[in-house]
């Protein structure tokens, strides 16, 4: 595996993680009632803190 393919894979994984984070942030900004309506899994407990640890965007494989 070349260095360029490794960098490309990491960039792709980072981009996907960033998109997930932005989506989660947008959903969490909605009122609790709407979160429950769309079936957001943690709608009842919004004070859980960060769900992803440092480095988890790399796809803990």
N, C-alpha and C. Protein backbone atom coordinates (compact mmCIF):
# COMPACT_ATOMS: atom_id res chain seq x y z
N UNK A 1 0.86 -1.17 0.00
CA UNK A 1 0.00 0.00 0.00
C UNK A 1 0.91 1.24 0.00
N UNK A 2 0.66 2.12 -0.90
CA UNK A 2 1.50 3.31 -1.00
C UNK A 2 1.07 4.37 0.02
N UNK A 3 1.94 5.31 0.22
CA UNK A 3 1.66 6.40 1.16
C UNK A 3 0.48 7.25 0.68
N UNK A 4 0.36 7.42 -0.63
CA UNK A 4 -0.74 8.22 -1.16
C UNK A 4 -2.09 7.53 -0.95
N UNK A 5 -2.13 6.22 -1.11
CA UNK A 5 -3.39 5.52 -0.88
C UNK A 5 -3.75 5.55 0.61
N UNK A 6 -2.75 5.49 1.47
CA UNK A 6 -3.00 5.58 2.91
C UNK A 6 -3.56 6.94 3.28
N UNK A 7 -2.97 7.98 2.73
CA UNK A 7 -3.44 9.34 3.00
C UNK A 7 -4.86 9.52 2.46
N UNK A 8 -5.11 8.99 1.28
CA UNK A 8 -6.45 9.08 0.70
C UNK A 8 -7.48 8.37 1.54
N UNK A 9 -7.14 7.18 2.05
CA UNK A 9 -8.05 6.43 2.90
C UNK A 9 -8.34 7.19 4.19
N UNK A 10 -7.31 7.75 4.80
CA UNK A 10 -7.50 8.53 6.03
C UNK A 10 -8.35 9.77 5.78
N UNK A 11 -8.11 10.43 4.64
CA UNK A 11 -8.91 11.62 4.31
C UNK A 11 -10.37 11.25 4.12
N UNK A 12 -10.63 10.11 3.49
CA UNK A 12 -12.01 9.66 3.27
C UNK A 12 -12.68 9.34 4.61
N UNK A 13 -11.97 8.64 5.48
CA UNK A 13 -12.53 8.31 6.80
C UNK A 13 -12.79 9.56 7.62
N UNK A 14 -11.87 10.52 7.56
CA UNK A 14 -12.04 11.77 8.30
C UNK A 14 -13.25 12.53 7.78
N UNK A 15 -13.41 12.57 6.47
CA UNK A 15 -14.54 13.27 5.86
C UNK A 15 -15.87 12.64 6.29
N UNK A 16 -15.92 11.31 6.31
CA UNK A 16 -17.14 10.62 6.74
C UNK A 16 -17.43 10.90 8.21
N UNK A 17 -16.41 10.89 9.05
CA UNK A 17 -16.60 11.16 10.47
C UNK A 17 -17.08 12.59 10.70
N UNK A 18 -16.53 13.51 9.93
CA UNK A 18 -16.96 14.91 10.05
C UNK A 18 -18.42 15.07 9.65
N UNK A 19 -18.83 14.40 8.60
CA UNK A 19 -20.23 14.45 8.16
C UNK A 19 -21.15 13.87 9.24
N UNK A 20 -20.73 12.74 9.86
CA UNK A 20 -21.53 12.15 10.95
C UNK A 20 -21.64 13.11 12.11
N UNK A 21 -20.55 13.75 12.48
CA UNK A 21 -20.55 14.69 13.60
C UNK A 21 -21.48 15.88 13.31
N UNK A 22 -21.41 16.42 12.10
CA UNK A 22 -22.25 17.56 11.76
C UNK A 22 -23.72 17.17 11.76
N UNK A 23 -24.03 15.98 11.28
CA UNK A 23 -25.41 15.51 11.29
C UNK A 23 -25.91 15.34 12.72
N UNK A 24 -25.08 14.71 13.56
CA UNK A 24 -25.45 14.51 14.95
C UNK A 24 -25.66 15.84 15.65
N UNK A 25 -24.78 16.79 15.39
CA UNK A 25 -24.91 18.12 16.02
C UNK A 25 -26.21 18.80 15.58
N UNK A 26 -26.55 18.68 14.31
CA UNK A 26 -27.80 19.29 13.81
C UNK A 26 -29.02 18.64 14.45
N UNK A 27 -29.00 17.31 14.57
CA UNK A 27 -30.14 16.61 15.18
C UNK A 27 -30.26 16.96 16.65
N UNK A 28 -29.13 17.03 17.36
CA UNK A 28 -29.16 17.36 18.78
C UNK A 28 -29.62 18.79 19.04
N UNK A 29 -29.53 19.65 18.02
CA UNK A 29 -29.98 21.03 18.21
C UNK A 29 -31.50 21.16 18.07
N UNK A 30 -32.15 20.10 17.58
CA UNK A 30 -33.61 20.12 17.46
C UNK A 30 -34.24 19.96 18.83
N UNK A 31 -35.49 20.43 18.99
CA UNK A 31 -36.19 20.22 20.26
C UNK A 31 -36.35 18.72 20.54
N UNK A 32 -36.41 18.37 21.83
CA UNK A 32 -36.52 16.97 22.25
C UNK A 32 -37.72 16.28 21.59
N UNK A 33 -38.83 17.00 21.46
CA UNK A 33 -40.03 16.40 20.88
C UNK A 33 -39.77 15.94 19.44
N UNK A 34 -39.06 16.76 18.67
CA UNK A 34 -38.74 16.37 17.29
C UNK A 34 -37.74 15.22 17.25
N UNK A 35 -36.79 15.23 18.17
CA UNK A 35 -35.83 14.13 18.23
C UNK A 35 -36.56 12.81 18.49
N UNK A 36 -37.53 12.84 19.39
CA UNK A 36 -38.31 11.63 19.68
C UNK A 36 -39.14 11.22 18.47
N UNK A 37 -39.71 12.19 17.76
CA UNK A 37 -40.53 11.89 16.58
C UNK A 37 -39.73 11.19 15.48
N UNK A 38 -38.47 11.57 15.32
CA UNK A 38 -37.66 10.96 14.27
C UNK A 38 -36.94 9.71 14.78
N UNK A 39 -37.11 9.41 16.07
CA UNK A 39 -36.53 8.20 16.64
C UNK A 39 -35.07 8.30 16.98
N UNK A 40 -34.62 9.50 17.31
CA UNK A 40 -33.22 9.66 17.70
C UNK A 40 -32.99 8.83 18.95
N UNK A 41 -32.00 7.97 18.96
CA UNK A 41 -31.84 7.00 20.04
C UNK A 41 -31.60 7.59 21.42
N UNK A 42 -31.01 8.74 21.53
CA UNK A 42 -30.71 9.30 22.84
C UNK A 42 -31.56 10.52 23.14
N UNK A 43 -32.75 10.58 22.61
CA UNK A 43 -33.60 11.75 22.79
C UNK A 43 -33.95 11.98 24.26
N UNK A 44 -34.07 10.92 25.02
CA UNK A 44 -34.45 11.07 26.43
C UNK A 44 -33.27 11.52 27.28
N UNK A 45 -32.05 11.27 26.82
CA UNK A 45 -30.86 11.59 27.61
C UNK A 45 -29.90 12.40 26.75
N UNK A 46 -30.09 13.73 26.70
CA UNK A 46 -29.26 14.57 25.84
C UNK A 46 -27.98 15.03 26.50
N UNK A 47 -27.79 14.74 27.76
CA UNK A 47 -26.60 15.20 28.48
C UNK A 47 -25.56 14.09 28.61
N UNK A 48 -25.41 13.26 27.58
CA UNK A 48 -24.50 12.13 27.66
C UNK A 48 -23.05 12.51 27.44
N UNK A 49 -22.78 13.66 26.88
CA UNK A 49 -21.41 14.07 26.61
C UNK A 49 -20.94 13.55 25.27
N UNK A 50 -19.66 13.66 25.03
CA UNK A 50 -19.10 13.23 23.76
C UNK A 50 -19.20 11.71 23.62
N UNK A 51 -19.63 11.26 22.45
CA UNK A 51 -19.76 9.83 22.21
C UNK A 51 -18.52 9.25 21.58
N UNK A 52 -17.71 10.06 20.95
CA UNK A 52 -16.56 9.55 20.22
C UNK A 52 -15.28 9.95 20.93
N UNK A 53 -14.43 9.00 21.15
CA UNK A 53 -13.16 9.27 21.80
C UNK A 53 -12.17 9.80 20.76
N UNK A 54 -11.07 10.34 21.25
CA UNK A 54 -10.03 10.84 20.37
C UNK A 54 -9.54 9.69 19.50
N UNK A 55 -9.50 9.93 18.19
CA UNK A 55 -9.00 8.92 17.28
C UNK A 55 -10.05 7.94 16.79
N UNK A 56 -11.28 8.00 17.32
CA UNK A 56 -12.30 7.06 16.89
C UNK A 56 -12.75 7.33 15.46
N UNK A 57 -12.46 8.52 14.95
CA UNK A 57 -12.83 8.81 13.55
C UNK A 57 -12.06 7.94 12.58
N UNK A 58 -10.97 7.37 13.03
CA UNK A 58 -10.14 6.55 12.14
C UNK A 58 -10.75 5.19 11.90
N UNK A 59 -11.88 4.93 12.50
CA UNK A 59 -12.56 3.67 12.26
C UNK A 59 -11.91 2.52 13.01
N UNK A 60 -12.08 2.51 14.30
CA UNK A 60 -11.47 1.48 15.14
C UNK A 60 -11.76 0.11 14.57
N UNK A 61 -10.80 -0.44 13.88
CA UNK A 61 -10.99 -1.71 13.20
C UNK A 61 -10.27 -2.81 13.92
